[in-house]
Protein backbone atom coordinates (compact mmCIF):
# COMPACT_ATOMS: atom_id res chain seq x y z
CA MET A 1 65.27 -14.38 13.20
CA ARG A 2 63.98 -10.94 14.26
CA ARG A 3 62.31 -10.45 10.87
CA TYR A 4 60.62 -13.87 11.18
CA PHE A 5 59.33 -13.00 14.67
CA LEU A 6 57.88 -9.62 13.52
CA THR A 7 56.20 -11.28 10.53
CA LEU A 8 54.67 -13.95 12.76
CA LEU A 9 53.46 -11.29 15.20
CA PHE A 10 51.87 -9.30 12.40
CA PHE A 11 49.90 -12.23 11.01
CA THR A 12 48.88 -13.33 14.50
CA THR A 13 47.50 -9.85 15.20
CA VAL A 14 45.62 -9.77 11.90
CA ALA A 15 44.18 -13.23 12.52
CA PHE A 16 43.01 -12.16 15.98
CA PHE A 17 41.11 -9.16 14.66
CA TYR A 18 39.58 -10.98 11.71
CA PHE A 19 38.93 -14.41 13.16
CA GLY A 20 39.30 -14.15 16.90
CA GLY A 21 36.94 -11.22 17.47
CA GLU A 22 33.34 -11.49 18.62
CA LYS A 23 30.97 -12.75 15.94
CA PRO A 24 27.77 -10.79 15.21
CA GLN A 25 24.91 -12.17 17.30
CA MET A 26 21.54 -12.71 15.62
CA LYS A 27 18.70 -10.89 17.41
CA THR A 28 15.77 -12.72 18.92
CA HIS A 29 13.48 -9.67 18.57
CA VAL A 30 13.85 -7.28 15.64
CA TYR A 31 12.35 -3.77 15.77
CA ILE A 32 11.52 -2.08 12.44
CA ALA A 33 10.96 1.66 12.08
CA ALA A 34 7.37 2.67 11.32
CA SER A 35 8.49 4.17 8.00
CA ASN A 36 10.04 0.91 6.74
CA SER A 37 7.94 -1.42 4.60
CA LYS A 38 10.53 -4.19 4.14
CA ILE A 39 12.74 -6.41 6.30
CA TYR A 40 16.40 -6.75 5.31
CA LEU A 41 18.82 -9.44 6.48
CA SER A 42 20.88 -6.71 8.14
CA ASP A 43 17.92 -5.99 10.46
CA PHE A 44 18.57 -9.28 12.27
CA PHE A 45 21.87 -7.90 13.66
CA SER A 46 22.98 -4.80 15.54
CA ILE A 47 24.65 -2.30 13.25
CA GLU A 48 27.51 -1.92 15.73
CA GLN A 49 28.40 -5.61 15.33
CA LEU A 50 28.57 -5.55 11.54
CA SER A 51 31.46 -4.32 9.46
CA GLU A 52 30.63 -1.70 6.84
CA THR A 53 31.03 -4.30 4.10
CA ASP A 54 28.79 -6.87 5.79
CA TYR A 55 26.17 -4.25 6.55
CA LYS A 56 25.98 -3.20 2.88
CA ARG A 57 25.85 -6.81 1.74
CA LEU A 58 23.08 -7.85 4.12
CA SER A 59 21.15 -4.64 3.47
CA SER A 60 21.03 -5.49 -0.23
CA TYR A 61 18.84 -8.56 0.38
CA VAL A 62 15.12 -8.11 1.09
CA PHE A 63 14.06 -10.82 3.53
CA GLY A 64 10.35 -9.98 3.37
CA PHE A 65 7.68 -7.37 4.02
CA ALA A 66 7.43 -5.68 7.42
CA PRO A 67 4.25 -6.07 9.52
CA LEU A 68 1.79 -3.23 9.97
CA VAL A 69 2.55 -0.53 12.51
CA GLY A 70 2.24 -1.83 16.06
CA LYS A 71 2.09 -5.47 14.95
CA THR A 72 4.52 -8.35 15.45
CA ILE A 73 5.15 -11.32 13.17
CA GLU A 74 7.11 -14.46 13.94
CA PHE A 75 9.71 -16.30 11.83
CA ASP A 76 11.26 -19.70 12.38
CA THR A 77 14.92 -19.19 13.30
CA ASP A 78 16.02 -22.03 11.01
CA TYR A 79 14.30 -20.27 8.11
CA VAL A 80 16.22 -17.03 8.74
CA VAL A 81 19.47 -18.96 9.16
CA GLY A 82 18.82 -20.80 5.89
CA LYS A 83 18.34 -17.52 4.03
CA LEU A 84 21.59 -16.14 5.45
CA ASN A 85 23.66 -19.25 4.76
CA TYR A 86 22.33 -19.65 1.22
CA ASN A 87 22.85 -16.05 0.13
CA PHE A 88 25.97 -15.24 2.17
CA PRO A 89 27.78 -18.54 2.87
CA ASP A 90 31.00 -16.73 3.89
CA PHE A 91 29.27 -14.57 6.53
CA VAL A 92 30.23 -15.74 10.04
CA TYR A 93 27.78 -15.07 12.90
CA SER A 94 26.18 -16.57 15.98
CA GLU A 95 22.67 -17.93 15.57
CA ALA A 96 19.77 -16.83 17.75
CA GLU A 97 19.24 -19.03 20.78
CA THR A 98 15.45 -19.13 20.40
CA GLU A 99 13.39 -21.28 18.03
CA ASN A 100 11.58 -18.23 16.67
CA ILE A 101 12.52 -14.62 15.91
CA LEU A 102 9.98 -11.82 16.41
CA VAL A 103 9.77 -8.78 14.13
CA THR A 104 7.84 -5.74 15.40
CA LYS A 105 7.15 -2.52 13.51
CA GLY A 106 6.67 0.93 14.98
CA VAL A 107 7.91 0.37 18.54
CA ASN A 108 11.38 0.31 20.02
CA SER A 109 12.81 -1.85 22.78
CA GLU A 110 14.55 1.18 24.31
CA ASN A 111 11.31 3.18 24.25
CA PRO A 112 8.49 0.83 25.35
CA VAL A 113 4.97 1.56 24.24
CA GLU A 114 2.90 3.24 26.93
CA ILE A 115 -0.74 3.90 26.24
CA CYS A 116 -2.29 6.28 28.71
CA ILE A 117 -5.90 7.34 28.08
CA ASN A 118 -7.35 9.69 30.69
CA THR A 119 -10.61 11.62 31.00
CA GLY A 120 -11.89 14.65 32.86
CA THR A 121 -9.53 17.16 34.40
CA GLU A 122 -6.66 14.67 34.35
CA LYS A 123 -6.94 14.12 30.59
CA SER A 124 -3.49 14.05 29.02
CA GLU A 125 -3.41 15.30 25.42
CA PHE A 126 0.09 13.89 24.92
CA ASP A 127 -0.86 10.39 26.00
CA LEU A 128 -4.01 10.49 23.90
CA GLU A 129 -1.91 11.63 20.97
CA ILE A 130 0.16 8.43 21.15
CA ALA A 131 -2.95 6.31 20.66
CA LYS A 132 -4.37 8.67 18.03
CA ASN A 133 -1.15 8.61 16.01
CA MET A 134 -1.03 4.81 16.07
CA ILE A 135 -4.69 4.56 15.05
CA THR A 136 -4.23 7.14 12.29
CA GLU A 137 -1.20 5.45 10.75
CA TYR A 138 -2.66 1.97 11.05
CA PHE A 139 -6.01 3.09 9.64
CA LEU A 140 -4.49 4.80 6.62
CA CYS A 141 -2.19 1.84 5.96
CA GLU A 142 -4.67 -1.00 6.54
CA TYR A 143 -8.02 0.48 5.54
CA MET A 144 -6.98 2.59 2.58
CA LYS A 145 -4.89 -0.23 1.09
CA PHE A 146 -7.76 -2.64 1.61
CA GLU A 147 -10.09 -0.28 -0.20
CA GLY A 148 -7.53 0.12 -2.99
CA GLU A 149 -7.35 3.88 -2.59
CA GLU A 150 -4.53 6.35 -2.09
CA LEU A 151 -4.41 9.95 -0.91
CA ALA A 152 -4.11 11.55 -4.33
CA ASP A 153 -4.62 15.20 -3.44
CA SER A 154 -2.63 17.04 -0.77
CA GLN A 155 -5.78 19.03 0.03
CA GLU A 156 -7.65 15.85 0.87
CA PHE A 157 -7.40 14.78 4.48
CA THR A 158 -8.78 12.34 7.00
CA GLU A 159 -10.47 13.37 10.24
CA PHE A 160 -10.77 11.24 13.35
CA ASP A 161 -13.19 11.92 16.22
CA PHE A 162 -12.27 9.93 19.32
CA GLU A 163 -14.80 9.19 22.03
CA GLU A 164 -13.87 9.74 25.64
CA ALA A 165 -12.33 6.59 27.10
CA GLU A 166 -12.16 5.32 30.64
CA GLN A 167 -8.86 5.77 32.40
CA PHE A 168 -6.21 3.21 31.43
CA LYS A 169 -2.51 3.08 32.09
CA ILE A 170 -0.79 -0.01 30.76
CA SER A 171 2.89 -0.36 29.90
CA GLY A 172 4.54 -3.06 27.83
CA ASP A 173 7.33 -3.68 25.37
CA SER A 174 5.05 -4.15 22.35
CA SER A 175 1.54 -3.33 21.24
CA ARG A 176 -0.71 -4.80 18.57
CA ILE A 177 -3.64 -2.92 17.15
CA ASN A 178 -6.77 -4.14 15.39
CA ILE A 179 -9.47 -1.93 13.91
CA SER A 180 -13.01 -3.18 13.26
CA LYS A 181 -15.96 -1.37 11.71
CA TYR A 182 -19.35 -1.35 13.42
CA GLY A 183 -21.17 1.49 11.64
CA ASN A 184 -21.05 3.71 8.59
CA ASN A 185 -18.10 5.73 9.85
CA GLU A 186 -17.69 4.19 13.30
CA TYR A 187 -14.75 2.02 14.26
CA ILE A 188 -13.28 0.37 17.34
CA ALA A 189 -9.51 0.24 17.81
CA THR A 190 -8.33 -2.51 20.14
CA PHE A 191 -4.81 -2.25 21.53
CA SER A 192 -3.40 -5.56 22.81
CA ILE A 193 -0.48 -4.92 25.15
CA TYR A 194 2.33 -7.46 25.55
CA SER A 195 5.33 -7.70 27.86
CA GLU A 196 8.04 -10.21 26.98
CA ASN A 197 5.63 -11.75 24.46
CA ARG A 198 3.02 -12.30 27.18
CA PHE A 199 -0.42 -10.69 26.83
CA ILE A 200 -1.16 -8.24 29.65
CA SER A 201 -4.37 -6.45 28.80
CA SER A 202 -6.19 -4.52 26.10
CA VAL A 203 -7.59 -1.04 25.54
CA ARG A 204 -10.60 -0.34 23.31
CA ILE A 205 -11.15 3.11 21.79
CA LYS A 206 -14.13 4.08 19.65
CA PHE A 207 -13.69 6.65 16.91
CA GLU A 208 -15.27 8.00 13.75
CA ALA A 209 -13.26 8.46 10.57
CA ARG A 210 -14.02 10.82 7.69
CA TRP A 211 -11.99 11.05 4.52
CA LEU A 212 -12.83 14.44 3.03
CA ARG A 213 -12.36 14.45 -0.73
CA ASN A 214 -13.55 16.59 -3.61
CA LEU A 215 -16.39 14.50 -5.06
CA ALA A 216 -18.24 15.05 -8.35
CA VAL A 217 -21.75 16.54 -8.00
CA ALA A 218 -24.42 17.16 -10.67
CA ASP A 219 -25.09 20.89 -11.13
CA ARG A 220 -28.41 20.15 -12.82
CA ASN A 221 -30.55 17.16 -13.76
CA ILE A 222 -28.60 14.97 -16.17
CA ASN A 223 -30.38 12.69 -18.61
CA TYR A 224 -29.34 9.27 -19.90
CA GLY A 225 -26.68 9.53 -22.63
CA GLU A 226 -25.62 13.10 -21.84
CA VAL A 227 -21.92 13.90 -21.89
CA LEU A 228 -20.69 15.16 -18.52
CA GLY A 229 -18.93 18.41 -19.33
CA GLN A 230 -17.70 21.23 -17.10
CA ASP A 231 -21.10 22.91 -17.35
CA LEU A 232 -22.78 19.92 -15.69
CA ILE A 233 -20.33 18.91 -12.96
CA SER A 234 -18.72 20.64 -9.97
CA PHE A 235 -16.82 19.27 -6.98
CA GLN A 236 -17.47 19.64 -3.28
CA LYS A 237 -15.85 18.20 -0.19
CA GLU A 238 -17.74 15.20 1.14
CA ASP A 239 -16.88 12.17 3.24
CA PHE A 240 -15.54 9.53 0.85
CA ILE A 241 -15.65 6.67 3.39
CA SER A 242 -19.45 6.81 3.54
CA ASN A 243 -19.67 7.55 -0.21
CA LYS A 244 -17.24 5.01 -1.63
CA GLU A 245 -19.25 4.64 -4.86
CA SER A 246 -18.81 8.33 -5.70
CA ILE A 247 -16.12 9.66 -8.02
CA PRO A 248 -13.30 11.82 -6.55
CA GLU A 249 -12.00 14.75 -8.58
CA SER A 250 -8.64 13.00 -9.00
CA ASP A 251 -10.39 10.08 -10.77
CA PHE A 252 -12.94 12.07 -12.75
CA SER A 253 -12.66 12.75 -16.49
CA PHE A 254 -14.89 15.23 -18.28
CA GLY A 255 -16.45 13.40 -21.17
CA TYR A 256 -18.00 10.60 -19.14
CA ILE A 257 -21.44 9.58 -20.44
CA ALA A 258 -24.44 9.20 -18.13
CA LYS A 259 -25.77 5.63 -17.94
CA ASN A 260 -28.89 6.72 -16.06
CA TYR A 261 -30.75 9.80 -14.86
CA ILE A 262 -28.78 11.84 -12.26
CA ARG A 263 -30.62 14.38 -10.11
CA GLU A 264 -29.34 17.90 -9.49
CA GLY A 265 -27.18 18.02 -6.34
CA GLN A 266 -26.65 14.26 -6.33
CA LEU A 267 -23.14 12.80 -5.99
CA VAL A 268 -22.11 11.15 -9.25
CA ARG A 269 -21.64 7.41 -8.67
CA LYS A 270 -19.19 5.24 -10.60
CA ALA A 271 -22.03 2.95 -11.66
CA SER A 272 -23.93 5.91 -13.17
CA VAL A 273 -21.36 6.80 -15.82
CA LYS A 274 -19.23 5.15 -18.46
CA PRO A 275 -16.07 6.43 -20.12
CA PRO A 276 -16.37 7.99 -23.55
CA PRO A 277 -15.83 5.56 -26.44
CA TYR A 278 -12.30 5.20 -27.75
CA VAL A 279 -13.59 5.50 -31.32
CA LEU A 280 -16.82 6.87 -32.77
CA ARG A 281 -19.18 5.58 -35.41
CA GLY A 282 -18.23 6.89 -38.87
CA GLN A 283 -14.58 7.37 -37.90
CA VAL A 284 -12.05 6.15 -40.48
CA ILE A 285 -9.14 4.17 -39.03
CA GLN A 286 -6.46 1.73 -40.13
CA ALA A 287 -7.24 -2.01 -40.20
CA ILE A 288 -4.66 -4.80 -40.24
CA VAL A 289 -6.03 -7.89 -41.94
CA ASP A 290 -4.01 -11.01 -41.16
CA MET A 291 -4.62 -13.83 -43.66
CA LYS A 292 -1.92 -16.16 -42.26
CA SER A 293 0.38 -16.05 -45.28
CA VAL A 294 -0.05 -12.34 -45.94
CA THR A 295 -0.94 -9.20 -43.99
CA VAL A 296 -2.86 -6.35 -45.62
CA ASN A 297 -3.35 -2.79 -44.36
CA VAL A 298 -6.61 -1.11 -45.37
CA LYS A 299 -8.68 1.88 -44.33
CA VAL A 300 -12.07 1.14 -42.80
CA LYS A 301 -15.08 3.18 -41.67
CA LEU A 302 -16.42 2.16 -38.26
CA LEU A 303 -20.09 1.22 -38.08
CA SER A 304 -20.39 1.75 -34.29
CA ASP A 305 -18.70 3.35 -31.30
CA GLY A 306 -16.19 1.16 -29.50
CA ALA A 307 -13.69 0.81 -26.67
CA ILE A 308 -10.33 -0.95 -26.73
CA GLY A 309 -10.91 -4.69 -26.78
CA ASP A 310 -14.39 -4.47 -28.31
CA ILE A 311 -15.30 -6.43 -31.42
CA VAL A 312 -16.34 -3.76 -33.91
CA LYS A 313 -17.81 -3.93 -37.40
CA ALA A 314 -16.37 -1.72 -40.11
CA MET A 315 -16.66 -1.14 -43.85
CA ASN A 316 -13.68 -1.33 -46.20
CA VAL A 317 -13.47 2.18 -47.69
CA GLU A 318 -12.33 0.92 -51.11
CA SER A 319 -14.34 -2.29 -51.60
CA GLY A 320 -17.35 -1.66 -49.38
CA ALA A 321 -16.91 -5.10 -47.76
CA ILE A 322 -18.05 -5.45 -44.12
CA ILE A 323 -15.46 -6.89 -41.75
CA SER A 324 -15.24 -7.44 -37.99
CA GLY A 325 -12.19 -7.15 -35.79
CA VAL A 326 -10.84 -6.38 -32.36
CA LEU A 327 -10.21 -2.72 -31.62
CA GLU A 328 -6.66 -2.07 -30.38
CA GLU A 329 -4.81 1.01 -29.24
CA GLY A 330 -3.88 3.33 -32.06
CA PRO A 331 -6.73 3.07 -32.97
CA VAL A 332 -6.24 -0.03 -35.10
CA LEU A 333 -8.76 -2.71 -36.06
CA LYS A 334 -7.10 -6.15 -35.94
CA VAL A 335 -8.81 -8.65 -38.28
CA ASN A 336 -7.82 -12.32 -38.42
CA TYR A 337 -8.88 -14.84 -41.06
């Protein structure tokens, strides 16, 4: 009887801890670190409420991409619940009590955003730095991705000149930022401040941005058809944002051919050069002739320069016959009959 009672007590205790404890509560507002680019299912719960096993399981599933820094996106609660139930049907939790769940990146509920821009003797460098840091990160993330560029050289850097702003002091629990261009290098950053998802006010800051990169420059006048070697090209730091058609050192290859006349001291534009041909006229390469039932390998002499993908004419070295084919990597001339 005593053994039966102890056994019953043991299983009752285990059942209490495993089934009678508090279930993890789904958040109604998720805060993502500025360094995170993805949202995981584990982000919808407090780490303290998840067991180690559940945390690892939920962290293995990417729910979606995080918003930009300082921005908030909204998900239907039923959609999040559906993802959880489909992928982890044995996971027990309490659903969020709201119809929608907010996900914000770069701010924290325990450390509300406070933008404080001052001028004159009361100017606060620390408060200005908050806004500058948000603008810098957002600009590099949004603008540079939009332009399809990346910071390829550690010596390249971006400069921001901020105009003096009128005095503002607005506090809230989230901030959204939007940057618009109104000049060659001039931009306006608009901070929209929210408290409990309610718009309070906005702050507008004007700034100039310069992305200093080593850009290719002609050391002398370059004529059409000339090969751009090291004796013709040097690199100097210039603003890439206002010279987007120029070629940075990280993208430049010696051997480019001039497509038009380039003046001495002029930045070399992408439209002014073309890459060197993959093969040259007179070069002997292998050709694969496919005649459906049989494939023949022959040597051919190219009758023109060509790039990969070009249709090039060539002469069979043995027979003297002229054939045409598509130039492929190798180089190989692929001929189909």
